[in-house]
Amino acid sequence: MDTRVMDHAHGYGLVSRFFHWAMALLLVWQVISAALHYFFDDTPITDFFFSLHFSNGLLILILAVLRGLWGLINLSRRPAHTGALERVAALGHVAMYALLIAVPVVAIIRAYGSTHGFSAFGVEIFAGMENKIEWMSNLGNQWHGLLGWILFALIGGHIAMAFVHTQGFQQNLIARMTKGDDRL
């Protein structure tokens, strides 16, 4: 196990790995809660998972911003993306980062324009409006779910390609994010 804090040419440091796996766990919760909400709304199991959907979304937004800043700080240290396929992968990562920010931002805009307000982990972030702001509600209603499902599809592709690289191309890319070094 590589214990370096900063990223390096052969893998990712402890901070990057923490951000990656913390967000992965939160995103698993989000996809479960979204799928249950979509397919089995108004059930106790859905209520259990969906009760943290808004709080986890805010936490994902905060972690995504911090992870993005950390990534920029480490940009020159990170494993190089050489070749066309790795550049496509880099674009996929940029798309995931953009959606990790856009999906919760759209939900927060929707909540701000509603009469319900927004709370996270039991703390009121802002109160509901006296009158609904239609464009804000419509923005969230039209885009939050769609962008969220696109994000989950990209994440599925990301996971699949990590295994393709590791098993098919014999490049131990998964070790970069698990052990911290693809040489280990």
C-alpha atoms as a PDB file:
ATOM      1  CA  MET A   1       0.000   0.000   0.000  1.00  0.00           C
ATOM      2  CA  ASP A   2       1.400   3.355  -1.052  1.00  0.00           C
ATOM      3  CA  THR A   3       1.003   5.862   1.797  1.00  0.00           C
ATOM      4  CA  ARG A   4       2.050   9.022  -0.030  1.00  0.00           C
ATOM      5  CA  VAL A   5      -0.358  11.906   0.431  1.00  0.00           C
ATOM      6  CA  MET A   6       0.222  13.526  -2.949  1.00  0.00           C
ATOM      7  CA  ASP A   7      -0.513  11.919  -6.310  1.00  0.00           C
ATOM      8  CA  HIS A   8       2.427  10.680  -8.380  1.00  0.00           C
ATOM      9  CA  ALA A   9       3.268   9.253 -11.806  1.00  0.00           C
ATOM     10  CA  HIS A  10       2.260   5.686 -10.854  1.00  0.00           C
ATOM     11  CA  GLY A  11      -0.897   6.317  -8.869  1.00  0.00           C
ATOM     12  CA  TYR A  12      -2.965   8.391  -6.520  1.00  0.00           C
ATOM     13  CA  GLY A  13      -2.144   9.546  -3.014  1.00  0.00           C
ATOM     14  CA  LEU A  14      -4.169   9.015   0.133  1.00  0.00           C
ATOM     15  CA  VAL A  15      -6.239  12.186  -0.251  1.00  0.00           C
ATOM     16  CA  SER A  16      -7.296  11.409  -3.833  1.00  0.00           C
ATOM     17  CA  ARG A  17      -8.123   7.840  -2.862  1.00  0.00           C
ATOM     18  CA  PHE A  18     -10.196   9.051   0.117  1.00  0.00           C
ATOM     19  CA  PHE A  19     -12.186  11.415  -2.113  1.00  0.00           C
ATOM     20  CA  HIS A  20     -12.709   8.697  -4.733  1.00  0.00           C
ATOM     21  CA  TRP A  21     -13.960   5.990  -2.362  1.00  0.00           C
ATOM     22  CA  ALA A  22     -16.003   8.311  -0.124  1.00  0.00           C
ATOM     23  CA  MET A  23     -17.795   9.636  -3.191  1.00  0.00           C
ATOM     24  CA  ALA A  24     -18.203   6.112  -4.563  1.00  0.00           C
ATOM     25  CA  LEU A  25     -20.009   5.044  -1.381  1.00  0.00           C
ATOM     26  CA  LEU A  26     -22.237   8.122  -1.430  1.00  0.00           C
ATOM     27  CA  LEU A  27     -23.023   7.571  -5.110  1.00  0.00           C
ATOM     28  CA  VAL A  28     -23.978   3.932  -4.488  1.00  0.00           C
ATOM     29  CA  TRP A  29     -26.426   5.205  -1.867  1.00  0.00           C
ATOM     30  CA  GLN A  30     -27.729   7.804  -4.325  1.00  0.00           C
ATOM     31  CA  VAL A  31     -28.325   5.336  -7.152  1.00  0.00           C
ATOM     32  CA  ILE A  32     -30.088   2.944  -4.779  1.00  0.00           C
ATOM     33  CA  SER A  33     -32.275   5.719  -3.385  1.00  0.00           C
ATOM     34  CA  ALA A  34     -33.046   7.105  -6.860  1.00  0.00           C
ATOM     35  CA  ALA A  35     -33.903   3.679  -8.265  1.00  0.00           C
ATOM     36  CA  LEU A  36     -36.117   2.854  -5.287  1.00  0.00           C
ATOM     37  CA  HIS A  37     -37.806   6.261  -5.549  1.00  0.00           C
ATOM     38  CA  TYR A  38     -38.427   5.693  -9.256  1.00  0.00           C
ATOM     39  CA  PHE A  39     -39.599   2.066  -9.095  1.00  0.00           C
ATOM     40  CA  PHE A  40     -40.952   1.587  -5.560  1.00  0.00           C
ATOM     41  CA  ASP A  41     -42.003   4.999  -4.284  1.00  0.00           C
ATOM     42  CA  ASP A  42     -43.918   5.205  -0.979  1.00  0.00           C
ATOM     43  CA  THR A  43     -42.412   2.116   0.626  1.00  0.00           C
ATOM     44  CA  PRO A  44     -40.528   1.932   3.928  1.00  0.00           C
ATOM     45  CA  ILE A  45     -37.276   0.847   2.249  1.00  0.00           C
ATOM     46  CA  THR A  46     -37.523   3.759  -0.201  1.00  0.00           C
ATOM     47  CA  ASP A  47     -38.246   6.167   2.635  1.00  0.00           C
ATOM     48  CA  PHE A  48     -35.182   4.865   4.483  1.00  0.00           C
ATOM     49  CA  PHE A  49     -32.780   5.307   1.552  1.00  0.00           C
ATOM     50  CA  PHE A  50     -34.361   8.489   0.156  1.00  0.00           C
ATOM     51  CA  SER A  51     -34.310  10.219   3.558  1.00  0.00           C
ATOM     52  CA  LEU A  52     -30.594  10.949   3.021  1.00  0.00           C
ATOM     53  CA  HIS A  53     -30.765  11.654  -0.726  1.00  0.00           C
ATOM     54  CA  PHE A  54     -30.682  15.462  -0.334  1.00  0.00           C
ATOM     55  CA  SER A  55     -28.047  15.445   2.397  1.00  0.00           C
ATOM     56  CA  ASN A  56     -25.820  13.046   0.466  1.00  0.00           C
ATOM     57  CA  GLY A  57     -26.269  15.148  -2.669  1.00  0.00           C
ATOM     58  CA  LEU A  58     -24.972  18.223  -0.854  1.00  0.00           C
ATOM     59  CA  LEU A  59     -22.072  16.208   0.559  1.00  0.00           C
ATOM     60  CA  ILE A  60     -21.249  14.920  -2.946  1.00  0.00           C
ATOM     61  CA  LEU A  61     -21.237  18.503  -4.236  1.00  0.00           C
ATOM     62  CA  ILE A  62     -18.843  19.620  -1.499  1.00  0.00           C
ATOM     63  CA  LEU A  63     -16.567  16.614  -2.027  1.00  0.00           C
ATOM     64  CA  ALA A  64     -16.635  17.100  -5.820  1.00  0.00           C
ATOM     65  CA  VAL A  65     -15.484  20.699  -5.494  1.00  0.00           C
ATOM     66  CA  LEU A  66     -12.765  19.756  -2.992  1.00  0.00           C
ATOM     67  CA  ARG A  67     -11.725  16.775  -5.124  1.00  0.00           C
ATOM     68  CA  GLY A  68     -11.560  18.966  -8.221  1.00  0.00           C
ATOM     69  CA  LEU A  69      -9.378  21.504  -6.433  1.00  0.00           C
ATOM     70  CA  TRP A  70      -7.156  18.702  -5.110  1.00  0.00           C
ATOM     71  CA  GLY A  71      -6.930  17.274  -8.628  1.00  0.00           C
ATOM     72  CA  LEU A  72      -5.816  20.640 -10.004  1.00  0.00           C
ATOM     73  CA  ILE A  73      -3.164  20.937  -7.281  1.00  0.00           C
ATOM     74  CA  ASN A  74      -1.894  17.461  -8.244  1.00  0.00           C
ATOM     75  CA  LEU A  75      -2.365  17.769 -12.009  1.00  0.00           C
ATOM     76  CA  SER A  76       1.338  17.769 -12.849  1.00  0.00           C
ATOM     77  CA  ARG A  77       2.005  14.811 -10.526  1.00  0.00           C
ATOM     78  CA  ARG A  78      -0.787  12.473 -11.676  1.00  0.00           C
ATOM     79  CA  PRO A  79      -0.326   9.514 -14.028  1.00  0.00           C
ATOM     80  CA  ALA A  80      -0.018  10.779 -17.613  1.00  0.00           C
ATOM     81  CA  HIS A  81      -2.847  10.334 -20.109  1.00  0.00           C
ATOM     82  CA  THR A  82      -0.987   9.419 -23.285  1.00  0.00           C
ATOM     83  CA  GLY A  83      -2.596   8.065 -26.400  1.00  0.00           C
ATOM     84  CA  ALA A  84      -6.041   8.620 -27.841  1.00  0.00           C
ATOM     85  CA  LEU A  85      -7.881   6.156 -25.592  1.00  0.00           C
ATOM     86  CA  GLU A  86      -6.478   7.709 -22.413  1.00  0.00           C
ATOM     87  CA  ARG A  87      -7.408  11.190 -23.653  1.00  0.00           C
ATOM     88  CA  VAL A  88     -10.981   9.963 -24.185  1.00  0.00           C
ATOM     89  CA  ALA A  89     -10.872   8.599 -20.623  1.00  0.00           C
ATOM     90  CA  ALA A  90      -9.703  12.025 -19.400  1.00  0.00           C
ATOM     91  CA  LEU A  91     -12.684  13.632 -21.158  1.00  0.00           C
ATOM     92  CA  GLY A  92     -14.949  11.080 -19.481  1.00  0.00           C
ATOM     93  CA  HIS A  93     -13.499  12.068 -16.116  1.00  0.00           C
ATOM     94  CA  VAL A  94     -14.118  15.749 -16.864  1.00  0.00           C
ATOM     95  CA  ALA A  95     -17.729  14.914 -17.810  1.00  0.00           C
ATOM     96  CA  MET A  96     -18.192  13.005 -14.538  1.00  0.00           C
ATOM     97  CA  TYR A  97     -16.763  15.901 -12.512  1.00  0.00           C
ATOM     98  CA  ALA A  98     -19.060  18.337 -14.324  1.00  0.00           C
ATOM     99  CA  LEU A  99     -22.085  16.168 -13.595  1.00  0.00           C
ATOM    100  CA  LEU A 100     -21.031  15.592  -9.976  1.00  0.00           C
ATOM    101  CA  ILE A 101     -21.368  19.357  -9.609  1.00  0.00           C
ATOM    102  CA  ALA A 102     -24.286  20.023 -11.973  1.00  0.00           C
ATOM    103  CA  VAL A 103     -26.671  17.364 -10.634  1.00  0.00           C
ATOM    104  CA  PRO A 104     -26.749  18.622  -7.027  1.00  0.00           C
ATOM    105  CA  VAL A 105     -26.619  22.283  -8.098  1.00  0.00           C
ATOM    106  CA  VAL A 106     -29.728  21.800 -10.238  1.00  0.00           C
ATOM    107  CA  ALA A 107     -31.446  20.085  -7.288  1.00  0.00           C
ATOM    108  CA  ILE A 108     -30.507  22.968  -4.969  1.00  0.00           C
ATOM    109  CA  ILE A 109     -31.837  25.501  -7.482  1.00  0.00           C
ATOM    110  CA  ARG A 110     -35.093  23.509  -7.647  1.00  0.00           C
ATOM    111  CA  ALA A 111     -35.308  23.409  -3.851  1.00  0.00           C
ATOM    112  CA  TYR A 112     -34.598  27.139  -3.592  1.00  0.00           C
ATOM    113  CA  GLY A 113     -37.445  27.900  -5.991  1.00  0.00           C
ATOM    114  CA  SER A 114     -39.903  25.675  -4.149  1.00  0.00           C
ATOM    115  CA  THR A 115     -42.054  26.281  -1.110  1.00  0.00           C
ATOM    116  CA  HIS A 116     -40.339  23.407   0.754  1.00  0.00           C
ATOM    117  CA  GLY A 117     -36.857  24.763   1.461  1.00  0.00           C
ATOM    118  CA  PHE A 118     -33.722  22.675   1.855  1.00  0.00           C
ATOM    119  CA  SER A 119     -32.224  20.856   4.824  1.00  0.00           C
ATOM    120  CA  ALA A 120     -29.161  18.641   4.990  1.00  0.00           C
ATOM    121  CA  PHE A 121     -28.413  16.303   7.894  1.00  0.00           C
ATOM    122  CA  GLY A 122     -31.174  17.995   9.887  1.00  0.00           C
ATOM    123  CA  VAL A 123     -29.815  21.516   9.417  1.00  0.00           C
ATOM    124  CA  GLU A 124     -31.931  23.999   7.487  1.00  0.00           C
ATOM    125  CA  ILE A 125     -29.836  25.470   4.673  1.00  0.00           C
ATOM    126  CA  PHE A 126     -32.628  27.775   3.505  1.00  0.00           C
ATOM    127  CA  ALA A 127     -36.357  28.094   4.082  1.00  0.00           C
ATOM    128  CA  GLY A 128     -38.950  27.578   1.403  1.00  0.00           C
ATOM    129  CA  MET A 129     -40.166  30.461  -0.685  1.00  0.00           C
ATOM    130  CA  GLU A 130     -43.586  31.925  -0.033  1.00  0.00           C
ATOM    131  CA  ASN A 131     -44.394  31.471  -3.725  1.00  0.00           C
ATOM    132  CA  LYS A 132     -42.932  28.881  -6.032  1.00  0.00           C
ATOM    133  CA  ILE A 133     -40.450  30.189  -8.628  1.00  0.00           C
ATOM    134  CA  GLU A 134     -41.472  28.271 -11.731  1.00  0.00           C
ATOM    135  CA  TRP A 135     -38.270  28.453 -13.746  1.00  0.00           C
ATOM    136  CA  MET A 136     -36.236  27.123 -10.826  1.00  0.00           C
ATOM    137  CA  SER A 137     -38.642  24.281 -10.159  1.00  0.00           C
ATOM    138  CA  ASN A 138     -38.888  23.462 -13.853  1.00  0.00           C
ATOM    139  CA  LEU A 139     -35.100  23.455 -14.258  1.00  0.00           C
ATOM    140  CA  GLY A 140     -34.748  20.887 -11.493  1.00  0.00           C
ATOM    141  CA  ASN A 141     -37.720  18.832 -12.604  1.00  0.00           C
ATOM    142  CA  GLN A 142     -36.453  18.669 -16.187  1.00  0.00           C
ATOM    143  CA  TRP A 143     -32.744  18.152 -15.595  1.00  0.00           C
ATOM    144  CA  HIS A 144     -31.890  16.728 -12.156  1.00  0.00           C
ATOM    145  CA  GLY A 145     -33.078  13.184 -12.804  1.00  0.00           C
ATOM    146  CA  LEU A 146     -31.886  13.035 -16.408  1.00  0.00           C
ATOM    147  CA  LEU A 147     -28.408  14.332 -15.565  1.00  0.00           C
ATOM    148  CA  GLY A 148     -28.261  12.009 -12.562  1.00  0.00           C
ATOM    149  CA  TRP A 149     -28.994   8.934 -14.709  1.00  0.00           C
ATOM    150  CA  ILE A 150     -26.413  10.093 -17.279  1.00  0.00           C
ATOM    151  CA  LEU A 151     -23.905  10.429 -14.424  1.00  0.00           C
ATOM    152  CA  PHE A 152     -24.680   6.893 -13.236  1.00  0.00           C
ATOM    153  CA  ALA A 153     -24.243   5.598 -16.800  1.00  0.00           C
ATOM    154  CA  LEU A 154     -20.846   7.311 -17.072  1.00  0.00           C
ATOM    155  CA  ILE A 155     -19.838   5.838 -13.726  1.00  0.00           C
ATOM    156  CA  GLY A 156     -20.880   2.394 -14.964  1.00  0.00           C
ATOM    157  CA  GLY A 157     -18.705   2.908 -18.046  1.00  0.00           C
ATOM    158  CA  HIS A 158     -15.861   4.127 -15.847  1.00  0.00           C
ATOM    159  CA  ILE A 159     -16.029   0.964 -13.730  1.00  0.00           C
ATOM    160  CA  ALA A 160     -16.295  -1.278 -16.799  1.00  0.00           C
ATOM    161  CA  MET A 161     -13.295   0.361 -18.480  1.00  0.00           C
ATOM    162  CA  ALA A 162     -11.212   0.046 -15.300  1.00  0.00           C
ATOM    163  CA  PHE A 163     -11.771  -3.704 -15.454  1.00  0.00           C
ATOM    164  CA  VAL A 164     -11.170  -3.825 -19.229  1.00  0.00           C
ATOM    165  CA  HIS A 165      -7.827  -2.066 -18.778  1.00  0.00           C
ATOM    166  CA  THR A 166      -6.841  -4.271 -15.864  1.00  0.00           C
ATOM    167  CA  GLN A 167      -7.983  -7.619 -17.282  1.00  0.00           C
ATOM    168  CA  GLY A 168      -7.968  -7.077 -21.051  1.00  0.00           C
ATOM    169  CA  PHE A 169      -5.047  -4.704 -21.553  1.00  0.00           C
ATOM    170  CA  GLN A 170      -3.045  -5.985 -18.553  1.00  0.00           C
ATOM    171  CA  GLN A 171      -2.670  -2.446 -17.188  1.00  0.00           C
ATOM    172  CA  ASN A 172      -3.230  -2.482 -13.446  1.00  0.00           C
ATOM    173  CA  LEU A 173      -5.103   0.819 -13.392  1.00  0.00           C
ATOM    174  CA  ILE A 174      -7.343  -0.276 -10.518  1.00  0.00           C
ATOM    175  CA  ALA A 175      -4.261  -0.481  -8.280  1.00  0.00           C
ATOM    176  CA  ARG A 176      -3.709   3.251  -8.806  1.00  0.00           C
ATOM    177  CA  MET A 177      -6.907   3.934  -6.871  1.00  0.00           C
ATOM    178  CA  THR A 178      -6.814   0.995  -4.452  1.00  0.00           C
ATOM    179  CA  LYS A 179      -3.163   0.518  -3.523  1.00  0.00           C
ATOM    180  CA  GLY A 180      -1.964   3.913  -4.715  1.00  0.00           C
ATOM    181  CA  ASP A 181       0.547   2.519  -7.202  1.00  0.00           C
ATOM    182  CA  ASP A 182       0.088   0.443 -10.380  1.00  0.00           C
ATOM    183  CA  ARG A 183       3.464  -1.246  -9.764  1.00  0.00           C
ATOM    184  CA  LEU A 184       2.298  -2.872  -6.523  1.00  0.00           C
END
